[in-house]
Amino acid sequence: MTILESDRVKTMFTKSTQDWTPSSAEHEAFVLFAPVSPDPETSRLCSSILSDAELKRAERFLTLDGREHFLQRRAFRRHCGAIAVGTHEPLSQIVFEETEKGRPYLPASPDLWFSFSSCRFGFLGAWSSTQAIGVDLEDRTRMVEAIELADQFFSKPEAKMVERAVGAERLRTFFQLWCLKEAALKSIGEGLPAGLAAFEFELSPDLRIVNAPREHGEPEQFVAHLIENANTCAALVVRTLA
């Protein structure tokens, strides 16, 4: 990796990324989206700033698309880290570690809370210096068995919401709830193993959290935001730190 290659990666992401921070959360968190690039040169540049361990991990993917998605995702994570800490160091020096439950953090900046997600359309990165946060990004064009999955993973009122929705609105409702639940779990430093039922949401008349794990605070300590686009559904959940 050369300084020139690091600068090219920074420039590339600076040009392609979009600020997806909800206006109601702009003083608490920053959310950045980067689209997946089909250009092989993009993936080559991204690989130039990654560690040997990351490159070896990329080789385990069976498809070229999977490898390139991983390379771009990890490079984007370093780009977000550099912005969050305000450093001009080469991106290869922005090294994340993970907690036992998979939450990424920068050892040199432990007060920053990061969260990342991705789908086939792109990558989502978020960070906060004052709150615990979680984000999730889903491909809302995927066809899934919404009612069956909602019955399996959601609360009864949430499953009813999905069942009552008609046509395209059913998938939209399902992905909204799925995104919110995954983002909420990340805001407490947990992942899917903790179970989607740990949180319960209402979507109307206003988006709100009905139930949350007591050991992590009452529902009032969490604020949820939906971020929707033509092909994706994303969510940001902010948890007030005691």
C-alpha atoms as a PDB file:
ATOM      1  CA  MET A   1       0.000   0.000   0.000  1.00  0.00           C
ATOM      2  CA  THR A   2       1.240   3.457  -0.918  1.00  0.00           C
ATOM      3  CA  ILE A   3       0.109   6.860   0.335  1.00  0.00           C
ATOM      4  CA  LEU A   4      -1.104   7.552  -3.204  1.00  0.00           C
ATOM      5  CA  GLU A   5      -3.352   4.472  -3.202  1.00  0.00           C
ATOM      6  CA  SER A   6      -4.795   5.422   0.195  1.00  0.00           C
ATOM      7  CA  ASP A   7      -5.561   8.913  -1.080  1.00  0.00           C
ATOM      8  CA  ARG A   8      -7.226   7.443  -4.166  1.00  0.00           C
ATOM      9  CA  VAL A   9      -9.464   5.271  -2.012  1.00  0.00           C
ATOM     10  CA  LYS A  10     -10.402   8.276   0.128  1.00  0.00           C
ATOM     11  CA  THR A  11     -11.189  10.323  -2.970  1.00  0.00           C
ATOM     12  CA  MET A  12     -13.219   7.498  -4.468  1.00  0.00           C
ATOM     13  CA  PHE A  13     -15.405   7.113  -1.394  1.00  0.00           C
ATOM     14  CA  THR A  14     -15.695  10.869  -0.875  1.00  0.00           C
ATOM     15  CA  LYS A  15     -17.149  11.185  -4.380  1.00  0.00           C
ATOM     16  CA  SER A  16     -19.514   8.230  -4.161  1.00  0.00           C
ATOM     17  CA  THR A  17     -20.831   8.348  -0.597  1.00  0.00           C
ATOM     18  CA  GLN A  18     -24.085   9.947   0.480  1.00  0.00           C
ATOM     19  CA  ASP A  19     -25.030  11.406   3.851  1.00  0.00           C
ATOM     20  CA  TRP A  20     -28.005   9.385   5.095  1.00  0.00           C
ATOM     21  CA  THR A  21     -28.140  10.890   8.566  1.00  0.00           C
ATOM     22  CA  PRO A  22     -31.793  11.477   9.533  1.00  0.00           C
ATOM     23  CA  SER A  23     -32.376  15.163  10.236  1.00  0.00           C
ATOM     24  CA  SER A  24     -33.836  14.253  13.620  1.00  0.00           C
ATOM     25  CA  ALA A  25     -30.579  12.504  14.593  1.00  0.00           C
ATOM     26  CA  GLU A  26     -28.008  14.866  13.115  1.00  0.00           C
ATOM     27  CA  HIS A  27     -26.739  15.982  16.528  1.00  0.00           C
ATOM     28  CA  GLU A  28     -26.391  12.412  17.804  1.00  0.00           C
ATOM     29  CA  ALA A  29     -24.960  10.321  14.990  1.00  0.00           C
ATOM     30  CA  PHE A  30     -23.574  10.373  11.483  1.00  0.00           C
ATOM     31  CA  VAL A  31     -24.750   7.881   8.840  1.00  0.00           C
ATOM     32  CA  LEU A  32     -22.951   7.388   5.528  1.00  0.00           C
ATOM     33  CA  PHE A  33     -23.940   5.230   2.543  1.00  0.00           C
ATOM     34  CA  ALA A  34     -21.632   4.048  -0.248  1.00  0.00           C
ATOM     35  CA  PRO A  35     -22.936   2.176  -3.311  1.00  0.00           C
ATOM     36  CA  VAL A  36     -21.278  -1.026  -4.466  1.00  0.00           C
ATOM     37  CA  SER A  37     -19.052  -0.386  -7.477  1.00  0.00           C
ATOM     38  CA  PRO A  38     -18.990  -2.929 -10.338  1.00  0.00           C
ATOM     39  CA  ASP A  39     -15.584  -1.600 -11.468  1.00  0.00           C
ATOM     40  CA  PRO A  40     -12.797  -4.145 -10.783  1.00  0.00           C
ATOM     41  CA  GLU A  41     -10.368  -1.250 -10.315  1.00  0.00           C
ATOM     42  CA  THR A  42     -12.394  -0.108  -7.296  1.00  0.00           C
ATOM     43  CA  SER A  43     -11.961  -3.485  -5.635  1.00  0.00           C
ATOM     44  CA  ARG A  44      -8.255  -3.532  -6.512  1.00  0.00           C
ATOM     45  CA  LEU A  45      -7.767  -0.148  -4.876  1.00  0.00           C
ATOM     46  CA  CYS A  46      -9.746  -1.240  -1.821  1.00  0.00           C
ATOM     47  CA  SER A  47      -7.593  -4.348  -1.455  1.00  0.00           C
ATOM     48  CA  SER A  48      -4.449  -2.184  -1.379  1.00  0.00           C
ATOM     49  CA  ILE A  49      -5.354  -0.739   2.044  1.00  0.00           C
ATOM     50  CA  LEU A  50      -6.453  -3.971   3.729  1.00  0.00           C
ATOM     51  CA  SER A  51      -4.466  -6.271   5.986  1.00  0.00           C
ATOM     52  CA  ASP A  52      -3.102  -9.673   4.987  1.00  0.00           C
ATOM     53  CA  ALA A  53      -5.723 -11.277   7.239  1.00  0.00           C
ATOM     54  CA  GLU A  54      -8.519  -9.440   5.436  1.00  0.00           C
ATOM     55  CA  LEU A  55      -7.131 -10.386   2.024  1.00  0.00           C
ATOM     56  CA  LYS A  56      -6.950 -14.034   3.064  1.00  0.00           C
ATOM     57  CA  ARG A  57     -10.516 -13.831   4.301  1.00  0.00           C
ATOM     58  CA  ALA A  58     -11.608 -12.349   0.974  1.00  0.00           C
ATOM     59  CA  GLU A  59     -10.119 -15.354  -0.838  1.00  0.00           C
ATOM     60  CA  ARG A  60     -12.481 -17.662   1.030  1.00  0.00           C
ATOM     61  CA  PHE A  61     -15.473 -16.289  -0.867  1.00  0.00           C
ATOM     62  CA  LEU A  62     -16.537 -18.668  -3.613  1.00  0.00           C
ATOM     63  CA  THR A  63     -17.693 -15.975  -6.047  1.00  0.00           C
ATOM     64  CA  LEU A  64     -15.975 -12.932  -7.492  1.00  0.00           C
ATOM     65  CA  ASP A  65     -18.943 -10.769  -6.490  1.00  0.00           C
ATOM     66  CA  GLY A  66     -18.626 -11.979  -2.905  1.00  0.00           C
ATOM     67  CA  ARG A  67     -14.889 -11.212  -2.788  1.00  0.00           C
ATOM     68  CA  GLU A  68     -15.281  -7.739  -4.288  1.00  0.00           C
ATOM     69  CA  HIS A  69     -18.183  -6.924  -1.987  1.00  0.00           C
ATOM     70  CA  PHE A  70     -16.053  -7.883   1.026  1.00  0.00           C
ATOM     71  CA  LEU A  71     -13.060  -5.831  -0.145  1.00  0.00           C
ATOM     72  CA  GLN A  72     -15.167  -2.727  -0.724  1.00  0.00           C
ATOM     73  CA  ARG A  73     -17.035  -3.202   2.562  1.00  0.00           C
ATOM     74  CA  ARG A  74     -13.853  -3.410   4.622  1.00  0.00           C
ATOM     75  CA  ALA A  75     -12.267  -0.443   2.844  1.00  0.00           C
ATOM     76  CA  PHE A  76     -15.419   1.606   3.444  1.00  0.00           C
ATOM     77  CA  ARG A  77     -15.243   0.732   7.136  1.00  0.00           C
ATOM     78  CA  ARG A  78     -11.719   2.158   7.319  1.00  0.00           C
ATOM     79  CA  HIS A  79     -12.880   5.253   5.421  1.00  0.00           C
ATOM     80  CA  CYS A  80     -15.651   5.827   7.980  1.00  0.00           C
ATOM     81  CA  GLY A  81     -13.189   5.324  10.824  1.00  0.00           C
ATOM     82  CA  ALA A  82     -10.842   7.946   9.400  1.00  0.00           C
ATOM     83  CA  ILE A  83     -13.667  10.474   9.089  1.00  0.00           C
ATOM     84  CA  ALA A  84     -14.940   9.749  12.590  1.00  0.00           C
ATOM     85  CA  VAL A  85     -11.578  10.353  14.264  1.00  0.00           C
ATOM     86  CA  GLY A  86     -10.599  13.190  11.897  1.00  0.00           C
ATOM     87  CA  THR A  87      -7.262  11.711  10.904  1.00  0.00           C
ATOM     88  CA  HIS A  88      -5.225  12.045   7.718  1.00  0.00           C
ATOM     89  CA  GLU A  89      -3.367   8.801   8.370  1.00  0.00           C
ATOM     90  CA  PRO A  90      -3.280   6.260   5.550  1.00  0.00           C
ATOM     91  CA  LEU A  91      -6.407   4.123   5.644  1.00  0.00           C
ATOM     92  CA  SER A  92      -4.284   1.038   6.224  1.00  0.00           C
ATOM     93  CA  GLN A  93      -3.588   2.459   9.701  1.00  0.00           C
ATOM     94  CA  ILE A  94      -7.294   2.599  10.616  1.00  0.00           C
ATOM     95  CA  VAL A  95      -7.571  -0.830  12.187  1.00  0.00           C
ATOM     96  CA  PHE A  96     -10.822  -1.980  13.763  1.00  0.00           C
ATOM     97  CA  GLU A  97     -11.134  -4.672  16.371  1.00  0.00           C
ATOM     98  CA  GLU A  98     -14.318  -6.406  17.478  1.00  0.00           C
ATOM     99  CA  THR A  99     -15.843  -7.260  20.824  1.00  0.00           C
ATOM    100  CA  GLU A 100     -16.679 -10.874  21.651  1.00  0.00           C
ATOM    101  CA  LYS A 101     -20.157 -10.240  20.255  1.00  0.00           C
ATOM    102  CA  GLY A 102     -18.917  -8.656  17.053  1.00  0.00           C
ATOM    103  CA  ARG A 103     -19.281  -4.929  17.660  1.00  0.00           C
ATOM    104  CA  PRO A 104     -16.502  -3.065  15.794  1.00  0.00           C
ATOM    105  CA  TYR A 105     -14.445  -0.436  17.596  1.00  0.00           C
ATOM    106  CA  LEU A 106     -11.208   1.509  17.264  1.00  0.00           C
ATOM    107  CA  PRO A 107      -8.879   0.754  20.194  1.00  0.00           C
ATOM    108  CA  ALA A 108      -7.402   4.252  20.023  1.00  0.00           C
ATOM    109  CA  SER A 109     -10.883   5.859  20.171  1.00  0.00           C
ATOM    110  CA  PRO A 110     -12.952   3.678  22.525  1.00  0.00           C
ATOM    111  CA  ASP A 111     -15.536   6.417  23.117  1.00  0.00           C
ATOM    112  CA  LEU A 112     -16.683   6.260  19.497  1.00  0.00           C
ATOM    113  CA  TRP A 113     -19.525   3.815  18.889  1.00  0.00           C
ATOM    114  CA  PHE A 114     -19.582   2.362  15.348  1.00  0.00           C
ATOM    115  CA  SER A 115     -22.113   0.268  13.476  1.00  0.00           C
ATOM    116  CA  PHE A 116     -21.993  -1.099   9.925  1.00  0.00           C
ATOM    117  CA  SER A 117     -24.277  -2.999   7.573  1.00  0.00           C
ATOM    118  CA  SER A 118     -24.439  -3.896   3.897  1.00  0.00           C
ATOM    119  CA  CYS A 119     -26.565  -5.424   1.181  1.00  0.00           C
ATOM    120  CA  ARG A 120     -26.027  -6.046  -2.532  1.00  0.00           C
ATOM    121  CA  PHE A 121     -26.653  -2.368  -3.303  1.00  0.00           C
ATOM    122  CA  GLY A 122     -24.124  -0.846  -0.931  1.00  0.00           C
ATOM    123  CA  PHE A 123     -22.669  -0.236   2.496  1.00  0.00           C
ATOM    124  CA  LEU A 124     -23.900   1.685   5.518  1.00  0.00           C
ATOM    125  CA  GLY A 125     -21.625   3.077   8.207  1.00  0.00           C
ATOM    126  CA  ALA A 126     -22.583   5.038  11.318  1.00  0.00           C
ATOM    127  CA  TRP A 127     -20.841   6.419  14.362  1.00  0.00           C
ATOM    128  CA  SER A 128     -21.485   8.537  17.436  1.00  0.00           C
ATOM    129  CA  SER A 129     -19.302  10.058  20.123  1.00  0.00           C
ATOM    130  CA  THR A 130     -22.165  10.516  22.603  1.00  0.00           C
ATOM    131  CA  GLN A 131     -24.651   7.670  22.098  1.00  0.00           C
ATOM    132  CA  ALA A 132     -24.759   3.945  21.494  1.00  0.00           C
ATOM    133  CA  ILE A 133     -26.066   3.278  17.992  1.00  0.00           C
ATOM    134  CA  GLY A 134     -26.970   0.527  15.581  1.00  0.00           C
ATOM    135  CA  VAL A 135     -27.730   0.486  11.864  1.00  0.00           C
ATOM    136  CA  ASP A 136     -29.057  -2.080   9.447  1.00  0.00           C
ATOM    137  CA  LEU A 137     -29.403  -2.039   5.659  1.00  0.00           C
ATOM    138  CA  GLU A 138     -31.584  -4.460   3.691  1.00  0.00           C
ATOM    139  CA  ASP A 139     -32.342  -5.102   0.031  1.00  0.00           C
ATOM    140  CA  ARG A 140     -36.080  -4.430  -0.082  1.00  0.00           C
ATOM    141  CA  THR A 141     -36.364  -5.888  -3.612  1.00  0.00           C
ATOM    142  CA  ARG A 142     -35.740  -9.422  -2.287  1.00  0.00           C
ATOM    143  CA  MET A 143     -38.693 -11.754  -2.340  1.00  0.00           C
ATOM    144  CA  VAL A 144     -39.128 -13.402   1.060  1.00  0.00           C
ATOM    145  CA  GLU A 145     -41.902 -15.319   2.793  1.00  0.00           C
ATOM    146  CA  ALA A 146     -42.842 -12.288   4.866  1.00  0.00           C
ATOM    147  CA  ILE A 147     -45.754 -13.780   6.814  1.00  0.00           C
ATOM    148  CA  GLU A 148     -43.917 -16.998   7.685  1.00  0.00           C
ATOM    149  CA  LEU A 149     -40.763 -15.169   8.787  1.00  0.00           C
ATOM    150  CA  ALA A 150     -42.747 -12.614  10.786  1.00  0.00           C
ATOM    151  CA  ASP A 151     -44.607 -15.420  12.583  1.00  0.00           C
ATOM    152  CA  GLN A 152     -41.276 -17.040  13.419  1.00  0.00           C
ATOM    153  CA  PHE A 153     -39.221 -14.031  14.502  1.00  0.00           C
ATOM    154  CA  PHE A 154     -41.557 -11.126  15.349  1.00  0.00           C
ATOM    155  CA  SER A 155     -43.929 -10.468  18.217  1.00  0.00           C
ATOM    156  CA  LYS A 156     -47.593 -11.271  17.640  1.00  0.00           C
ATOM    157  CA  PRO A 157     -48.610  -7.605  17.117  1.00  0.00           C
ATOM    158  CA  GLU A 158     -45.725  -7.147  14.645  1.00  0.00           C
ATOM    159  CA  ALA A 159     -46.632 -10.328  12.772  1.00  0.00           C
ATOM    160  CA  LYS A 160     -50.209  -9.052  12.531  1.00  0.00           C
ATOM    161  CA  MET A 161     -48.894  -5.796  11.040  1.00  0.00           C
ATOM    162  CA  VAL A 162     -47.150  -7.767   8.302  1.00  0.00           C
ATOM    163  CA  GLU A 163     -50.172 -10.006   7.704  1.00  0.00           C
ATOM    164  CA  ARG A 164     -52.584  -7.044   7.409  1.00  0.00           C
ATOM    165  CA  ALA A 165     -50.397  -5.247   4.862  1.00  0.00           C
ATOM    166  CA  VAL A 166     -51.330  -5.876   1.235  1.00  0.00           C
ATOM    167  CA  GLY A 167     -49.172  -6.325  -1.867  1.00  0.00           C
ATOM    168  CA  ALA A 168     -45.859  -4.464  -1.943  1.00  0.00           C
ATOM    169  CA  GLU A 169     -46.714  -2.843   1.385  1.00  0.00           C
ATOM    170  CA  ARG A 170     -46.391  -6.244   3.070  1.00  0.00           C
ATOM    171  CA  LEU A 171     -42.717  -6.605   2.082  1.00  0.00           C
ATOM    172  CA  ARG A 172     -42.082  -2.981   2.990  1.00  0.00           C
ATOM    173  CA  THR A 173     -43.559  -3.485   6.455  1.00  0.00           C
ATOM    174  CA  PHE A 174     -41.561  -6.681   6.944  1.00  0.00           C
ATOM    175  CA  PHE A 175     -38.239  -5.078   5.997  1.00  0.00           C
ATOM    176  CA  GLN A 176     -38.944  -1.990   8.093  1.00  0.00           C
ATOM    177  CA  LEU A 177     -39.430  -4.136  11.187  1.00  0.00           C
ATOM    178  CA  TRP A 178     -36.474  -6.387  10.391  1.00  0.00           C
ATOM    179  CA  CYS A 179     -34.141  -3.387   9.925  1.00  0.00           C
ATOM    180  CA  LEU A 180     -35.354  -1.748  13.124  1.00  0.00           C
ATOM    181  CA  LYS A 181     -34.841  -4.902  15.157  1.00  0.00           C
ATOM    182  CA  GLU A 182     -31.329  -5.564  13.835  1.00  0.00           C
ATOM    183  CA  ALA A 183     -30.323  -1.931  14.372  1.00  0.00           C
ATOM    184  CA  ALA A 184     -31.720  -2.017  17.918  1.00  0.00           C
ATOM    185  CA  LEU A 185     -29.765  -5.170  18.747  1.00  0.00           C
ATOM    186  CA  LYS A 186     -26.568  -3.520  17.494  1.00  0.00           C
ATOM    187  CA  SER A 187     -27.268  -0.487  19.684  1.00  0.00           C
ATOM    188  CA  ILE A 188     -26.904  -2.716  22.753  1.00  0.00           C
ATOM    189  CA  GLY A 189     -23.803  -4.414  21.376  1.00  0.00           C
ATOM    190  CA  GLU A 190     -25.636  -7.589  20.452  1.00  0.00           C
ATOM    191  CA  GLY A 191     -26.318  -9.310  17.158  1.00  0.00           C
ATOM    192  CA  LEU A 192     -28.983 -11.628  15.800  1.00  0.00           C
ATOM    193  CA  PRO A 193     -28.135 -14.404  18.301  1.00  0.00           C
ATOM    194  CA  ALA A 194     -29.803 -12.276  20.979  1.00  0.00           C
ATOM    195  CA  GLY A 195     -33.089 -12.757  19.129  1.00  0.00           C
ATOM    196  CA  LEU A 196     -35.240 -10.347  17.142  1.00  0.00           C
ATOM    197  CA  ALA A 197     -37.949 -10.658  19.778  1.00  0.00           C
ATOM    198  CA  ALA A 198     -35.810  -8.677  22.233  1.00  0.00           C
ATOM    199  CA  PHE A 199     -37.348  -5.489  20.794  1.00  0.00           C
ATOM    200  CA  GLU A 200     -40.893  -4.730  19.698  1.00  0.00           C
ATOM    201  CA  PHE A 201     -41.912  -1.815  17.459  1.00  0.00           C
ATOM    202  CA  GLU A 202     -45.012   0.031  16.337  1.00  0.00           C
ATOM    203  CA  LEU A 203     -44.917   1.709  12.924  1.00  0.00           C
ATOM    204  CA  SER A 204     -48.115   3.757  13.090  1.00  0.00           C
ATOM    205  CA  PRO A 205     -49.429   6.243  13.856  1.00  0.00           C
ATOM    206  CA  ASP A 206     -45.812   7.020  14.793  1.00  0.00           C
ATOM    207  CA  LEU A 207     -42.676   4.908  14.861  1.00  0.00           C
ATOM    208  CA  ARG A 208     -41.866   3.924  18.421  1.00  0.00           C
ATOM    209  CA  ILE A 209     -40.277   1.174  20.481  1.00  0.00           C
ATOM    210  CA  VAL A 210     -42.826  -0.672  22.591  1.00  0.00           C
ATOM    211  CA  ASN A 211     -40.562  -3.148  24.384  1.00  0.00           C
ATOM    212  CA  ALA A 212     -36.798  -3.283  24.991  1.00  0.00           C
ATOM    213  CA  PRO A 213     -34.528  -5.446  27.181  1.00  0.00           C
ATOM    214  CA  ARG A 214     -34.731  -4.048  30.717  1.00  0.00           C
ATOM    215  CA  GLU A 215     -31.039  -4.605  31.368  1.00  0.00           C
ATOM    216  CA  HIS A 216     -30.309  -2.077  28.633  1.00  0.00           C
ATOM    217  CA  GLY A 217     -32.876   0.540  29.614  1.00  0.00           C
ATOM    218  CA  GLU A 218     -36.537   1.255  29.125  1.00  0.00           C
ATOM    219  CA  PRO A 219     -37.983   1.885  25.645  1.00  0.00           C
ATOM    220  CA  GLU A 220     -37.736   5.619  26.314  1.00  0.00           C
ATOM    221  CA  GLN A 221     -33.926   5.354  26.150  1.00  0.00           C
ATOM    222  CA  PHE A 222     -34.111   4.290  22.488  1.00  0.00           C
ATOM    223  CA  VAL A 223     -34.998   6.413  19.477  1.00  0.00           C
ATOM    224  CA  ALA A 224     -35.554   4.729  16.116  1.00  0.00           C
ATOM    225  CA  HIS A 225     -35.287   6.204  12.616  1.00  0.00           C
ATOM    226  CA  LEU A 226     -36.195   4.655   9.261  1.00  0.00           C
ATOM    227  CA  ILE A 227     -34.223   5.545   6.126  1.00  0.00           C
ATOM    228  CA  GLU A 228     -35.873   4.316   2.919  1.00  0.00           C
ATOM    229  CA  ASN A 229     -34.873   4.501  -0.723  1.00  0.00           C
ATOM    230  CA  ALA A 230     -36.083   2.900  -3.929  1.00  0.00           C
ATOM    231  CA  ASN A 231     -34.215  -0.387  -3.464  1.00  0.00           C
ATOM    232  CA  THR A 232     -33.217  -0.397   0.188  1.00  0.00           C
ATOM    233  CA  CYS A 233     -34.608  -0.074   3.664  1.00  0.00           C
ATOM    234  CA  ALA A 234     -32.338   1.082   6.470  1.00  0.00           C
ATOM    235  CA  ALA A 235     -32.738   1.885  10.130  1.00  0.00           C
ATOM    236  CA  LEU A 236     -30.801   3.781  12.753  1.00  0.00           C
ATOM    237  CA  VAL A 237     -31.449   3.177  16.450  1.00  0.00           C
ATOM    238  CA  VAL A 238     -29.916   5.504  19.027  1.00  0.00           C
ATOM    239  CA  ARG A 239     -29.630   4.423  22.657  1.00  0.00           C
ATOM    240  CA  THR A 240     -29.001   6.974  25.376  1.00  0.00           C
ATOM    241  CA  LEU A 241     -25.981   6.010  27.464  1.00  0.00           C
ATOM    242  CA  ALA A 242     -26.412   6.279  31.226  1.00  0.00           C
END
